[in-house]
Amino acid sequence: MRHSTSETGPQKASMVTQLIAITVAVFVLQQVMNVFFPGIGGRDNRFLSEWFALSGQNFRELKVWTILSYGFLHSTAGFFHIFGNMLGLFFIGRIIEPLIGRERFLGLYLGGALIGGLV
């Protein structure tokens, strides 16, 4: 994470860096729940799935936030799924974010998750 001091204060980390950090933190949480709290999450991350995964049941239960939160959940079966996604986000995001700005990049990212969830 880059930080520098300017007249306006410390520089914020890029949106790409923040999205990667959030997604990796959620993945680590999923792993921790699998190992240390199987009664809560179970091997299938039941707790996280019931509250944050996109499913017809969750949508019928009006858990409308799942249309975006599902984008931060990843399969815990293997490391390569999240690694590939974050690698792609890193390289593509490094090009796009400077062109359109932090806020528009976040909108693009979340909009993509929203459209992906609807399709």
PDB file of N, CA and C in Angstrom:
ATOM      1  N   MET A   1       0.834  -1.155   0.000  1.00  0.00           N
ATOM      2  CA  MET A   1       0.000   0.000   0.000  1.00  0.00           C
ATOM      3  C   MET A   1       0.889   1.230   0.000  1.00  0.00           C
ATOM      4  N   ARG A   2       0.679   2.107  -0.950  1.00  0.00           N
ATOM      5  CA  ARG A   2       1.493   3.308  -1.031  1.00  0.00           C
ATOM      6  C   ARG A   2       0.857   4.417  -0.211  1.00  0.00           C
ATOM      7  N   HIS A   3       1.680   5.114   0.512  1.00  0.00           N
ATOM      8  CA  HIS A   3       1.201   6.263   1.260  1.00  0.00           C
ATOM      9  C   HIS A   3       2.216   7.376   1.068  1.00  0.00           C
ATOM     10  N   SER A   4       1.722   8.535   0.785  1.00  0.00           N
ATOM     11  CA  SER A   4       2.601   9.685   0.727  1.00  0.00           C
ATOM     12  C   SER A   4       1.857  10.854   1.347  1.00  0.00           C
ATOM     13  N   THR A   5       2.591  11.822   1.748  1.00  0.00           N
ATOM     14  CA  THR A   5       1.984  12.990   2.357  1.00  0.00           C
ATOM     15  C   THR A   5       2.020  14.128   1.356  1.00  0.00           C
ATOM     16  N   SER A   6       0.895  14.798   1.219  1.00  0.00           N
ATOM     17  CA  SER A   6       0.819  15.965   0.349  1.00  0.00           C
ATOM     18  C   SER A   6       0.137  17.075   1.131  1.00  0.00           C
ATOM     19  N   GLU A   7      -0.165  18.181   0.447  1.00  0.00           N
ATOM     20  CA  GLU A   7      -0.835  19.291   1.111  1.00  0.00           C
ATOM     21  C   GLU A   7      -2.221  18.890   1.604  1.00  0.00           C
ATOM     22  N   THR A   8      -2.843  17.928   0.952  1.00  0.00           N
ATOM     23  CA  THR A   8      -4.191  17.509   1.332  1.00  0.00           C
ATOM     24  C   THR A   8      -4.182  16.341   2.305  1.00  0.00           C
ATOM     25  N   GLY A   9      -3.030  15.866   2.692  1.00  0.00           N
ATOM     26  CA  GLY A   9      -2.948  14.754   3.634  1.00  0.00           C
ATOM     27  C   GLY A   9      -2.416  13.504   2.977  1.00  0.00           C
ATOM     28  N   PRO A  10      -2.495  12.392   3.696  1.00  0.00           N
ATOM     29  CA  PRO A  10      -1.969  11.136   3.156  1.00  0.00           C
ATOM     30  C   PRO A  10      -2.755  10.668   1.934  1.00  0.00           C
ATOM     31  N   GLN A  11      -2.033  10.088   1.002  1.00  0.00           N
ATOM     32  CA  GLN A  11      -2.654   9.566  -0.218  1.00  0.00           C
ATOM     33  C   GLN A  11      -3.362   8.257   0.099  1.00  0.00           C
ATOM     34  N   LYS A  12      -4.571   8.094  -0.435  1.00  0.00           N
ATOM     35  CA  LYS A  12      -5.333   6.866  -0.220  1.00  0.00           C
ATOM     36  C   LYS A  12      -4.795   5.764  -1.118  1.00  0.00           C
ATOM     37  N   ALA A  13      -4.941   4.535  -0.647  1.00  0.00           N
ATOM     38  CA  ALA A  13      -4.582   3.383  -1.478  1.00  0.00           C
ATOM     39  C   ALA A  13      -5.533   3.353  -2.665  1.00  0.00           C
ATOM     40  N   SER A  14      -5.080   2.801  -3.757  1.00  0.00           N
ATOM     41  CA  SER A  14      -5.934   2.722  -4.942  1.00  0.00           C
ATOM     42  C   SER A  14      -7.170   1.885  -4.639  1.00  0.00           C
ATOM     43  N   MET A  15      -8.236   2.116  -5.388  1.00  0.00           N
ATOM     44  CA  MET A  15      -9.456   1.338  -5.223  1.00  0.00           C
ATOM     45  C   MET A  15      -9.191  -0.126  -5.540  1.00  0.00           C
ATOM     46  N   VAL A  16      -8.325  -0.372  -6.516  1.00  0.00           N
ATOM     47  CA  VAL A  16      -7.965  -1.750  -6.855  1.00  0.00           C
ATOM     48  C   VAL A  16      -7.354  -2.438  -5.634  1.00  0.00           C
ATOM     49  N   THR A  17      -6.419  -1.774  -4.985  1.00  0.00           N
ATOM     50  CA  THR A  17      -5.779  -2.330  -3.796  1.00  0.00           C
ATOM     51  C   THR A  17      -6.798  -2.575  -2.693  1.00  0.00           C
ATOM     52  N   GLN A  18      -7.714  -1.642  -2.500  1.00  0.00           N
ATOM     53  CA  GLN A  18      -8.725  -1.798  -1.459  1.00  0.00           C
ATOM     54  C   GLN A  18      -9.665  -2.961  -1.763  1.00  0.00           C
ATOM     55  N   LEU A  19     -10.091  -3.104  -3.015  1.00  0.00           N
ATOM     56  CA  LEU A  19     -10.978  -4.211  -3.390  1.00  0.00           C
ATOM     57  C   LEU A  19     -10.281  -5.560  -3.224  1.00  0.00           C
ATOM     58  N   ILE A  20      -9.014  -5.617  -3.603  1.00  0.00           N
ATOM     59  CA  ILE A  20      -8.251  -6.857  -3.424  1.00  0.00           C
ATOM     60  C   ILE A  20      -8.125  -7.172  -1.936  1.00  0.00           C
ATOM     61  N   ALA A  21      -7.813  -6.167  -1.123  1.00  0.00           N
ATOM     62  CA  ALA A  21      -7.662  -6.388   0.320  1.00  0.00           C
ATOM     63  C   ALA A  21      -8.965  -6.882   0.945  1.00  0.00           C
ATOM     64  N   ILE A  22     -10.086  -6.296   0.570  1.00  0.00           N
ATOM     65  CA  ILE A  22     -11.382  -6.718   1.113  1.00  0.00           C
ATOM     66  C   ILE A  22     -11.688  -8.147   0.696  1.00  0.00           C
ATOM     67  N   THR A  23     -11.491  -8.454  -0.572  1.00  0.00           N
ATOM     68  CA  THR A  23     -11.806  -9.793  -1.072  1.00  0.00           C
ATOM     69  C   THR A  23     -10.922 -10.850  -0.424  1.00  0.00           C
ATOM     70  N   VAL A  24      -9.644 -10.564  -0.286  1.00  0.00           N
ATOM     71  CA  VAL A  24      -8.732 -11.518   0.357  1.00  0.00           C
ATOM     72  C   VAL A  24      -9.088 -11.668   1.840  1.00  0.00           C
ATOM     73  N   ALA A  25      -9.454 -10.578   2.506  1.00  0.00           N
ATOM     74  CA  ALA A  25      -9.856 -10.663   3.913  1.00  0.00           C
ATOM     75  C   ALA A  25     -11.095 -11.542   4.078  1.00  0.00           C
ATOM     76  N   VAL A  26     -12.063 -11.414   3.174  1.00  0.00           N
ATOM     77  CA  VAL A  26     -13.264 -12.256   3.231  1.00  0.00           C
ATOM     78  C   VAL A  26     -12.887 -13.714   2.987  1.00  0.00           C
ATOM     79  N   PHE A  27     -11.981 -13.958   2.046  1.00  0.00           N
ATOM     80  CA  PHE A  27     -11.528 -15.321   1.769  1.00  0.00           C
ATOM     81  C   PHE A  27     -10.851 -15.927   3.003  1.00  0.00           C
ATOM     82  N   VAL A  28     -10.007 -15.146   3.664  1.00  0.00           N
ATOM     83  CA  VAL A  28      -9.341 -15.624   4.882  1.00  0.00           C
ATOM     84  C   VAL A  28     -10.391 -15.912   5.959  1.00  0.00           C
ATOM     85  N   LEU A  29     -11.394 -15.039   6.087  1.00  0.00           N
ATOM     86  CA  LEU A  29     -12.475 -15.278   7.041  1.00  0.00           C
ATOM     87  C   LEU A  29     -13.195 -16.590   6.731  1.00  0.00           C
ATOM     88  N   GLN A  30     -13.451 -16.845   5.458  1.00  0.00           N
ATOM     89  CA  GLN A  30     -14.081 -18.109   5.067  1.00  0.00           C
ATOM     90  C   GLN A  30     -13.216 -19.295   5.498  1.00  0.00           C
ATOM     91  N   GLN A  31     -11.915 -19.201   5.267  1.00  0.00           N
ATOM     92  CA  GLN A  31     -11.006 -20.284   5.635  1.00  0.00           C
ATOM     93  C   GLN A  31     -10.982 -20.491   7.149  1.00  0.00           C
ATOM     94  N   VAL A  32     -10.912 -19.397   7.898  1.00  0.00           N
ATOM     95  CA  VAL A  32     -10.882 -19.477   9.361  1.00  0.00           C
ATOM     96  C   VAL A  32     -12.164 -20.118   9.878  1.00  0.00           C
ATOM     97  N   MET A  33     -13.299 -19.719   9.320  1.00  0.00           N
ATOM     98  CA  MET A  33     -14.572 -20.305   9.759  1.00  0.00           C
ATOM     99  C   MET A  33     -14.618 -21.798   9.453  1.00  0.00           C
ATOM    100  N   ASN A  34     -14.074 -22.193   8.310  1.00  0.00           N
ATOM    101  CA  ASN A  34     -14.030 -23.621   7.968  1.00  0.00           C
ATOM    102  C   ASN A  34     -13.242 -24.425   8.991  1.00  0.00           C
ATOM    103  N   VAL A  35     -12.105 -23.876   9.409  1.00  0.00           N
ATOM    104  CA  VAL A  35     -11.191 -24.621  10.273  1.00  0.00           C
ATOM    105  C   VAL A  35     -11.569 -24.512  11.752  1.00  0.00           C
ATOM    106  N   PHE A  36     -11.809 -23.294  12.220  1.00  0.00           N
ATOM    107  CA  PHE A  36     -11.963 -23.081  13.654  1.00  0.00           C
ATOM    108  C   PHE A  36     -13.407 -23.022  14.149  1.00  0.00           C
ATOM    109  N   PHE A  37     -14.346 -22.766  13.258  1.00  0.00           N
ATOM    110  CA  PHE A  37     -15.744 -22.642  13.676  1.00  0.00           C
ATOM    111  C   PHE A  37     -16.664 -23.485  12.805  1.00  0.00           C
ATOM    112  N   PRO A  38     -16.402 -24.781  12.688  1.00  0.00           N
ATOM    113  CA  PRO A  38     -17.242 -25.608  11.817  1.00  0.00           C
ATOM    114  C   PRO A  38     -18.692 -25.682  12.286  1.00  0.00           C
ATOM    115  N   GLY A  39     -18.947 -25.460  13.585  1.00  0.00           N
ATOM    116  CA  GLY A  39     -20.322 -25.468  14.082  1.00  0.00           C
ATOM    117  C   GLY A  39     -21.128 -24.283  13.591  1.00  0.00           C
ATOM    118  N   ILE A  40     -20.451 -23.170  13.307  1.00  0.00           N
ATOM    119  CA  ILE A  40     -21.130 -21.966  12.815  1.00  0.00           C
ATOM    120  C   ILE A  40     -21.163 -21.972  11.299  1.00  0.00           C
ATOM    121  N   GLY A  41     -20.004 -22.143  10.717  1.00  0.00           N
ATOM    122  CA  GLY A  41     -19.922 -22.045   9.264  1.00  0.00           C
ATOM    123  C   GLY A  41     -19.994 -23.382   8.565  1.00  0.00           C
ATOM    124  N   GLY A  42     -19.520 -24.409   9.216  1.00  0.00           N
ATOM    125  CA  GLY A  42     -19.478 -25.715   8.575  1.00  0.00           C
ATOM    126  C   GLY A  42     -18.484 -25.730   7.434  1.00  0.00           C
ATOM    127  N   ARG A  43     -18.263 -26.904   6.898  1.00  0.00           N
ATOM    128  CA  ARG A  43     -17.317 -27.029   5.787  1.00  0.00           C
ATOM    129  C   ARG A  43     -17.823 -26.306   4.545  1.00  0.00           C
ATOM    130  N   ASP A  44     -19.122 -26.039   4.472  1.00  0.00           N
ATOM    131  CA  ASP A  44     -19.683 -25.365   3.298  1.00  0.00           C
ATOM    132  C   ASP A  44     -19.931 -23.878   3.549  1.00  0.00           C
ATOM    133  N   ASN A  45     -19.388 -23.341   4.639  1.00  0.00           N
ATOM    134  CA  ASN A  45     -19.573 -21.928   4.976  1.00  0.00           C
ATOM    135  C   ASN A  45     -21.049 -21.559   5.038  1.00  0.00           C
ATOM    136  N   ARG A  46     -21.824 -22.386   5.679  1.00  0.00           N
ATOM    137  CA  ARG A  46     -23.273 -22.199   5.743  1.00  0.00           C
ATOM    138  C   ARG A  46     -23.654 -20.798   6.236  1.00  0.00           C
ATOM    139  N   PHE A  47     -23.013 -20.321   7.295  1.00  0.00           N
ATOM    140  CA  PHE A  47     -23.350 -18.999   7.832  1.00  0.00           C
ATOM    141  C   PHE A  47     -23.155 -17.908   6.781  1.00  0.00           C
ATOM    142  N   LEU A  48     -21.983 -17.895   6.154  1.00  0.00           N
ATOM    143  CA  LEU A  48     -21.722 -16.875   5.135  1.00  0.00           C
ATOM    144  C   LEU A  48     -22.654 -17.037   3.945  1.00  0.00           C
ATOM    145  N   SER A  49     -22.931 -18.268   3.558  1.00  0.00           N
ATOM    146  CA  SER A  49     -23.836 -18.511   2.435  1.00  0.00           C
ATOM    147  C   SER A  49     -25.242 -18.027   2.744  1.00  0.00           C
ATOM    148  N   GLU A  50     -25.703 -18.282   3.962  1.00  0.00           N
ATOM    149  CA  GLU A  50     -27.061 -17.886   4.329  1.00  0.00           C
ATOM    150  C   GLU A  50     -27.237 -16.378   4.379  1.00  0.00           C
ATOM    151  N   TRP A  51     -26.167 -15.652   4.649  1.00  0.00           N
ATOM    152  CA  TRP A  51     -26.302 -14.206   4.804  1.00  0.00           C
ATOM    153  C   TRP A  51     -25.699 -13.378   3.673  1.00  0.00           C
ATOM    154  N   PHE A  52     -24.780 -13.948   2.893  1.00  0.00           N
ATOM    155  CA  PHE A  52     -24.080 -13.118   1.915  1.00  0.00           C
ATOM    156  C   PHE A  52     -24.007 -13.687   0.507  1.00  0.00           C
ATOM    157  N   ALA A  53     -24.311 -14.968   0.317  1.00  0.00           N
ATOM    158  CA  ALA A  53     -24.241 -15.562  -1.022  1.00  0.00           C
ATOM    159  C   ALA A  53     -25.510 -15.239  -1.802  1.00  0.00           C
ATOM    160  N   LEU A  54     -25.375 -15.183  -3.100  1.00  0.00           N
ATOM    161  CA  LEU A  54     -26.519 -14.916  -3.968  1.00  0.00           C
ATOM    162  C   LEU A  54     -27.252 -16.222  -4.230  1.00  0.00           C
ATOM    163  N   SER A  55     -28.517 -16.260  -3.855  1.00  0.00           N
ATOM    164  CA  SER A  55     -29.340 -17.438  -4.115  1.00  0.00           C
ATOM    165  C   SER A  55     -30.794 -16.993  -4.212  1.00  0.00           C
ATOM    166  N   GLY A  56     -31.588 -17.823  -4.848  1.00  0.00           N
ATOM    167  CA  GLY A  56     -33.008 -17.527  -4.944  1.00  0.00           C
ATOM    168  C   GLY A  56     -33.650 -17.421  -3.576  1.00  0.00           C
ATOM    169  N   GLN A  57     -33.255 -18.307  -2.674  1.00  0.00           N
ATOM    170  CA  GLN A  57     -33.819 -18.289  -1.324  1.00  0.00           C
ATOM    171  C   GLN A  57     -33.473 -16.993  -0.603  1.00  0.00           C
ATOM    172  N   ASN A  58     -32.224 -16.567  -0.677  1.00  0.00           N
ATOM    173  CA  ASN A  58     -31.836 -15.318  -0.023  1.00  0.00           C
ATOM    174  C   ASN A  58     -32.593 -14.135  -0.602  1.00  0.00           C
ATOM    175  N   PHE A  59     -32.799 -14.140  -1.900  1.00  0.00           N
ATOM    176  CA  PHE A  59     -33.517 -13.032  -2.521  1.00  0.00           C
ATOM    177  C   PHE A  59     -34.987 -13.055  -2.107  1.00  0.00           C
ATOM    178  N   ARG A  60     -35.591 -14.240  -2.037  1.00  0.00           N
ATOM    179  CA  ARG A  60     -36.985 -14.349  -1.574  1.00  0.00           C
ATOM    180  C   ARG A  60     -37.117 -13.889  -0.126  1.00  0.00           C
ATOM    181  N   GLU A  61     -36.070 -14.082   0.655  1.00  0.00           N
ATOM    182  CA  GLU A  61     -36.068 -13.635   2.052  1.00  0.00           C
ATOM    183  C   GLU A  61     -35.688 -12.156   2.172  1.00  0.00           C
ATOM    184  N   LEU A  62     -35.645 -11.458   1.048  1.00  0.00           N
ATOM    185  CA  LEU A  62     -35.356 -10.022   0.964  1.00  0.00           C
ATOM    186  C   LEU A  62     -33.968  -9.646   1.471  1.00  0.00           C
ATOM    187  N   LYS A  63     -33.028 -10.546   1.336  1.00  0.00           N
ATOM    188  CA  LYS A  63     -31.625 -10.246   1.647  1.00  0.00           C
ATOM    189  C   LYS A  63     -31.017  -9.643   0.383  1.00  0.00           C
ATOM    190  N   VAL A  64     -31.490  -8.435   0.063  1.00  0.00           N
ATOM    191  CA  VAL A  64     -31.144  -7.812  -1.217  1.00  0.00           C
ATOM    192  C   VAL A  64     -29.665  -7.441  -1.325  1.00  0.00           C
ATOM    193  N   TRP A  65     -28.977  -7.293  -0.197  1.00  0.00           N
ATOM    194  CA  TRP A  65     -27.545  -6.970  -0.235  1.00  0.00           C
ATOM    195  C   TRP A  65     -26.725  -8.084  -0.879  1.00  0.00           C
ATOM    196  N   THR A  66     -27.297  -9.294  -0.937  1.00  0.00           N
ATOM    197  CA  THR A  66     -26.542 -10.415  -1.505  1.00  0.00           C
ATOM    198  C   THR A  66     -26.259 -10.224  -2.986  1.00  0.00           C
ATOM    199  N   ILE A  67     -26.998  -9.330  -3.650  1.00  0.00           N
ATOM    200  CA  ILE A  67     -26.760  -9.064  -5.070  1.00  0.00           C
ATOM    201  C   ILE A  67     -25.377  -8.429  -5.272  1.00  0.00           C
ATOM    202  N   LEU A  68     -24.804  -7.851  -4.225  1.00  0.00           N
ATOM    203  CA  LEU A  68     -23.442  -7.305  -4.291  1.00  0.00           C
ATOM    204  C   LEU A  68     -22.460  -8.103  -3.433  1.00  0.00           C
ATOM    205  N   SER A  69     -22.895  -8.556  -2.266  1.00  0.00           N
ATOM    206  CA  SER A  69     -21.960  -9.223  -1.347  1.00  0.00           C
ATOM    207  C   SER A  69     -21.441 -10.548  -1.896  1.00  0.00           C
ATOM    208  N   TYR A  70     -22.216 -11.191  -2.774  1.00  0.00           N
ATOM    209  CA  TYR A  70     -21.757 -12.476  -3.319  1.00  0.00           C
ATOM    210  C   TYR A  70     -20.438 -12.319  -4.069  1.00  0.00           C
ATOM    211  N   GLY A  71     -20.204 -11.146  -4.617  1.00  0.00           N
ATOM    212  CA  GLY A  71     -18.993 -10.908  -5.392  1.00  0.00           C
ATOM    213  C   GLY A  71     -17.714 -10.963  -4.575  1.00  0.00           C
ATOM    214  N   PHE A  72     -17.840 -10.907  -3.260  1.00  0.00           N
ATOM    215  CA  PHE A  72     -16.664 -10.960  -2.400  1.00  0.00           C
ATOM    216  C   PHE A  72     -16.427 -12.352  -1.822  1.00  0.00           C
ATOM    217  N   LEU A  73     -17.371 -13.276  -2.038  1.00  0.00           N
ATOM    218  CA  LEU A  73     -17.210 -14.655  -1.573  1.00  0.00           C
ATOM    219  C   LEU A  73     -16.541 -15.477  -2.662  1.00  0.00           C
ATOM    220  N   HIS A  74     -15.697 -16.395  -2.269  1.00  0.00           N
ATOM    221  CA  HIS A  74     -15.012 -17.260  -3.226  1.00  0.00           C
ATOM    222  C   HIS A  74     -14.980 -18.688  -2.715  1.00  0.00           C
ATOM    223  N   SER A  75     -14.844 -19.595  -3.634  1.00  0.00           N
ATOM    224  CA  SER A  75     -14.747 -21.005  -3.274  1.00  0.00           C
ATOM    225  C   SER A  75     -13.524 -21.218  -2.390  1.00  0.00           C
ATOM    226  N   THR A  76     -13.731 -21.938  -1.305  1.00  0.00           N
ATOM    227  CA  THR A  76     -12.605 -22.242  -0.418  1.00  0.00           C
ATOM    228  C   THR A  76     -11.957 -23.571  -0.781  1.00  0.00           C
ATOM    229  N   ALA A  77     -12.449 -24.191  -1.850  1.00  0.00           N
ATOM    230  CA  ALA A  77     -11.908 -25.487  -2.264  1.00  0.00           C
ATOM    231  C   ALA A  77     -10.493 -25.364  -2.814  1.00  0.00           C
ATOM    232  N   GLY A  78     -10.158 -24.206  -3.345  1.00  0.00           N
ATOM    233  CA  GLY A  78      -8.831 -24.049  -3.909  1.00  0.00           C
ATOM    234  C   GLY A  78      -8.394 -22.602  -3.932  1.00  0.00           C
ATOM    235  N   PHE A  79      -7.116 -22.409  -3.878  1.00  0.00           N
ATOM    236  CA  PHE A  79      -6.499 -21.087  -3.851  1.00  0.00           C
ATOM    237  C   PHE A  79      -6.507 -20.428  -5.229  1.00  0.00           C
ATOM    238  N   PHE A  80      -6.486 -21.233  -6.291  1.00  0.00           N
ATOM    239  CA  PHE A  80      -6.288 -20.679  -7.628  1.00  0.00           C
ATOM    240  C   PHE A  80      -7.474 -19.871  -8.128  1.00  0.00           C
ATOM    241  N   HIS A  81      -8.668 -20.145  -7.631  1.00  0.00           N
ATOM    242  CA  HIS A  81      -9.845 -19.374  -8.039  1.00  0.00           C
ATOM    243  C   HIS A  81      -9.681 -17.905  -7.645  1.00  0.00           C
ATOM    244  N   ILE A  82      -9.435 -17.657  -6.374  1.00  0.00           N
ATOM    245  CA  ILE A  82      -9.295 -16.273  -5.916  1.00  0.00           C
ATOM    246  C   ILE A  82      -8.003 -15.656  -6.451  1.00  0.00           C
ATOM    247  N   PHE A  83      -6.946 -16.446  -6.555  1.00  0.00           N
ATOM    248  CA  PHE A  83      -5.682 -15.927  -7.076  1.00  0.00           C
ATOM    249  C   PHE A  83      -5.857 -15.408  -8.503  1.00  0.00           C
ATOM    250  N   GLY A  84      -6.521 -16.190  -9.338  1.00  0.00           N
ATOM    251  CA  GLY A  84      -6.762 -15.766 -10.720  1.00  0.00           C
ATOM    252  C   GLY A  84      -7.622 -14.524 -10.803  1.00  0.00           C
ATOM    253  N   ASN A  85      -8.672 -14.469  -9.987  1.00  0.00           N
ATOM    254  CA  ASN A  85      -9.538 -13.293  -9.986  1.00  0.00           C
ATOM    255  C   ASN A  85      -8.795 -12.041  -9.541  1.00  0.00           C
ATOM    256  N   MET A  86      -8.016 -12.151  -8.484  1.00  0.00           N
ATOM    257  CA  MET A  86      -7.308 -10.983  -7.957  1.00  0.00           C
ATOM    258  C   MET A  86      -6.171 -10.557  -8.883  1.00  0.00           C
ATOM    259  N   LEU A  87      -5.543 -11.510  -9.532  1.00  0.00           N
ATOM    260  CA  LEU A  87      -4.504 -11.178 -10.503  1.00  0.00           C
ATOM    261  C   LEU A  87      -5.106 -10.396 -11.671  1.00  0.00           C
ATOM    262  N   GLY A  88      -6.243 -10.862 -12.162  1.00  0.00           N
ATOM    263  CA  GLY A  88      -6.934 -10.146 -13.237  1.00  0.00           C
ATOM    264  C   GLY A  88      -7.364  -8.756 -12.804  1.00  0.00           C
ATOM    265  N   LEU A  89      -7.930  -8.649 -11.607  1.00  0.00           N
ATOM    266  CA  LEU A  89      -8.341  -7.343 -11.085  1.00  0.00           C
ATOM    267  C   LEU A  89      -7.146  -6.412 -10.960  1.00  0.00           C
ATOM    268  N   PHE A  90      -6.029  -6.931 -10.496  1.00  0.00           N
ATOM    269  CA  PHE A  90      -4.831  -6.114 -10.331  1.00  0.00           C
ATOM    270  C   PHE A  90      -4.349  -5.547 -11.666  1.00  0.00           C
ATOM    271  N   PHE A  91      -4.179  -6.414 -12.668  1.00  0.00           N
ATOM    272  CA  PHE A  91      -3.613  -5.946 -13.936  1.00  0.00           C
ATOM    273  C   PHE A  91      -4.593  -5.093 -14.739  1.00  0.00           C
ATOM    274  N   ILE A  92      -5.844  -5.474 -14.769  1.00  0.00           N
ATOM    275  CA  ILE A  92      -6.826  -4.683 -15.518  1.00  0.00           C
ATOM    276  C   ILE A  92      -7.155  -3.394 -14.766  1.00  0.00           C
ATOM    277  N   GLY A  93      -7.304  -3.502 -13.450  1.00  0.00           N
ATOM    278  CA  GLY A  93      -7.630  -2.331 -12.642  1.00  0.00           C
ATOM    279  C   GLY A  93      -6.552  -1.269 -12.668  1.00  0.00           C
ATOM    280  N   ARG A  94      -5.285  -1.689 -12.724  1.00  0.00           N
ATOM    281  CA  ARG A  94      -4.177  -0.721 -12.794  1.00  0.00           C
ATOM    282  C   ARG A  94      -4.251   0.140 -14.035  1.00  0.00           C
ATOM    283  N   ILE A  95      -4.844  -0.392 -15.092  1.00  0.00           N
ATOM    284  CA  ILE A  95      -4.980   0.366 -16.338  1.00  0.00           C
ATOM    285  C   ILE A  95      -6.218   1.248 -16.294  1.00  0.00           C
ATOM    286  N   ILE A  96      -7.334   0.680 -15.833  1.00  0.00           N
ATOM    287  CA  ILE A  96      -8.616   1.381 -15.918  1.00  0.00           C
ATOM    288  C   ILE A  96      -8.791   2.445 -14.835  1.00  0.00           C
ATOM    289  N   GLU A  97      -8.418   2.147 -13.595  1.00  0.00           N
ATOM    290  CA  GLU A  97      -8.660   3.105 -12.507  1.00  0.00           C
ATOM    291  C   GLU A  97      -8.039   4.480 -12.750  1.00  0.00           C
ATOM    292  N   PRO A  98      -6.789   4.590 -13.203  1.00  0.00           N
ATOM    293  CA  PRO A  98      -6.240   5.925 -13.459  1.00  0.00           C
ATOM    294  C   PRO A  98      -6.979   6.678 -14.575  1.00  0.00           C
ATOM    295  N   LEU A  99      -7.589   5.941 -15.485  1.00  0.00           N
ATOM    296  CA  LEU A  99      -8.304   6.583 -16.591  1.00  0.00           C
ATOM    297  C   LEU A  99      -9.660   7.137 -16.175  1.00  0.00           C
ATOM    298  N   ILE A 100     -10.358   6.427 -15.282  1.00  0.00           N
ATOM    299  CA  ILE A 100     -11.724   6.844 -14.946  1.00  0.00           C
ATOM    300  C   ILE A 100     -11.872   7.338 -13.508  1.00  0.00           C
ATOM    301  N   GLY A 101     -10.880   7.142 -12.678  1.00  0.00           N
ATOM    302  CA  GLY A 101     -10.934   7.604 -11.287  1.00  0.00           C
ATOM    303  C   GLY A 101     -11.435   6.526 -10.330  1.00  0.00           C
ATOM    304  N   ARG A 102     -11.174   6.779  -9.048  1.00  0.00           N
ATOM    305  CA  ARG A 102     -11.499   5.815  -7.987  1.00  0.00           C
ATOM    306  C   ARG A 102     -12.992   5.519  -7.894  1.00  0.00           C
ATOM    307  N   GLU A 103     -13.793   6.584  -7.815  1.00  0.00           N
ATOM    308  CA  GLU A 103     -15.226   6.404  -7.604  1.00  0.00           C
ATOM    309  C   GLU A 103     -15.883   5.710  -8.789  1.00  0.00           C
ATOM    310  N   ARG A 104     -15.532   6.119  -9.988  1.00  0.00           N
ATOM    311  CA  ARG A 104     -16.120   5.486 -11.171  1.00  0.00           C
ATOM    312  C   ARG A 104     -15.646   4.046 -11.312  1.00  0.00           C
ATOM    313  N   PHE A 105     -14.408   3.774 -10.913  1.00  0.00           N
ATOM    314  CA  PHE A 105     -13.927   2.397 -10.964  1.00  0.00           C
ATOM    315  C   PHE A 105     -14.710   1.524  -9.986  1.00  0.00           C
ATOM    316  N   LEU A 106     -14.950   2.032  -8.781  1.00  0.00           N
ATOM    317  CA  LEU A 106     -15.750   1.288  -7.807  1.00  0.00           C
ATOM    318  C   LEU A 106     -17.153   1.045  -8.361  1.00  0.00           C
ATOM    319  N   GLY A 107     -17.736   2.068  -8.977  1.00  0.00           N
ATOM    320  CA  GLY A 107     -19.052   1.904  -9.596  1.00  0.00           C
ATOM    321  C   GLY A 107     -19.037   0.860 -10.694  1.00  0.00           C
ATOM    322  N   LEU A 108     -17.997   0.859 -11.495  1.00  0.00           N
ATOM    323  CA  LEU A 108     -17.858  -0.137 -12.558  1.00  0.00           C
ATOM    324  C   LEU A 108     -17.735  -1.540 -11.970  1.00  0.00           C
ATOM    325  N   TYR A 109     -16.937  -1.681 -10.934  1.00  0.00           N
ATOM    326  CA  TYR A 109     -16.729  -2.988 -10.294  1.00  0.00           C
ATOM    327  C   TYR A 109     -18.028  -3.507  -9.683  1.00  0.00           C
ATOM    328  N   LEU A 110     -18.683  -2.664  -8.889  1.00  0.00           N
ATOM    329  CA  LEU A 110     -19.930  -3.083  -8.249  1.00  0.00           C
ATOM    330  C   LEU A 110     -21.049  -3.257  -9.270  1.00  0.00           C
ATOM    331  N   GLY A 111     -21.053  -2.415 -10.303  1.00  0.00           N
ATOM    332  CA  GLY A 111     -22.035  -2.579 -11.377  1.00  0.00           C
ATOM    333  C   GLY A 111     -21.855  -3.902 -12.098  1.00  0.00           C
ATOM    334  N   GLY A 112     -20.613  -4.296 -12.300  1.00  0.00           N
ATOM    335  CA  GLY A 112     -20.339  -5.598 -12.912  1.00  0.00           C
ATOM    336  C   GLY A 112     -20.832  -6.743 -12.043  1.00  0.00           C
ATOM    337  N   ALA A 113     -20.636  -6.609 -10.728  1.00  0.00           N
ATOM    338  CA  ALA A 113     -21.140  -7.634  -9.801  1.00  0.00           C
ATOM    339  C   ALA A 113     -22.664  -7.672  -9.832  1.00  0.00           C
ATOM    340  N   LEU A 114     -23.281  -6.506  -9.873  1.00  0.00           N
ATOM    341  CA  LEU A 114     -24.742  -6.424  -9.919  1.00  0.00           C
ATOM    342  C   LEU A 114     -25.293  -7.081 -11.181  1.00  0.00           C
ATOM    343  N   ILE A 115     -24.730  -6.731 -12.319  1.00  0.00           N
ATOM    344  CA  ILE A 115     -25.186  -7.316 -13.587  1.00  0.00           C
ATOM    345  C   ILE A 115     -24.904  -8.813 -13.611  1.00  0.00           C
ATOM    346  N   GLY A 116     -23.735  -9.209 -13.132  1.00  0.00           N
ATOM    347  CA  GLY A 116     -23.410 -10.634 -13.063  1.00  0.00           C
ATOM    348  C   GLY A 116     -24.384 -11.398 -12.187  1.00  0.00           C
ATOM    349  N   GLY A 117     -24.827 -10.781 -11.107  1.00  0.00           N
ATOM    350  CA  GLY A 117     -25.787 -11.420 -10.219  1.00  0.00           C
ATOM    351  C   GLY A 117     -27.167 -11.535 -10.832  1.00  0.00           C
ATOM    352  N   LEU A 118     -27.528 -10.581 -11.666  1.00  0.00           N
ATOM    353  CA  LEU A 118     -28.845 -10.608 -12.302  1.00  0.00           C
ATOM    354  C   LEU A 118     -28.900 -11.591 -13.460  1.00  0.00           C
ATOM    355  N   VAL A 119     -27.740 -11.835 -14.066  1.00  0.00           N
ATOM    356  CA  VAL A 119     -27.686 -12.754 -15.212  1.00  0.00           C
ATOM    357  C   VAL A 119     -27.560 -14.121 -14.708  1.00  0.00           C
TER     358      VAL A 119
END
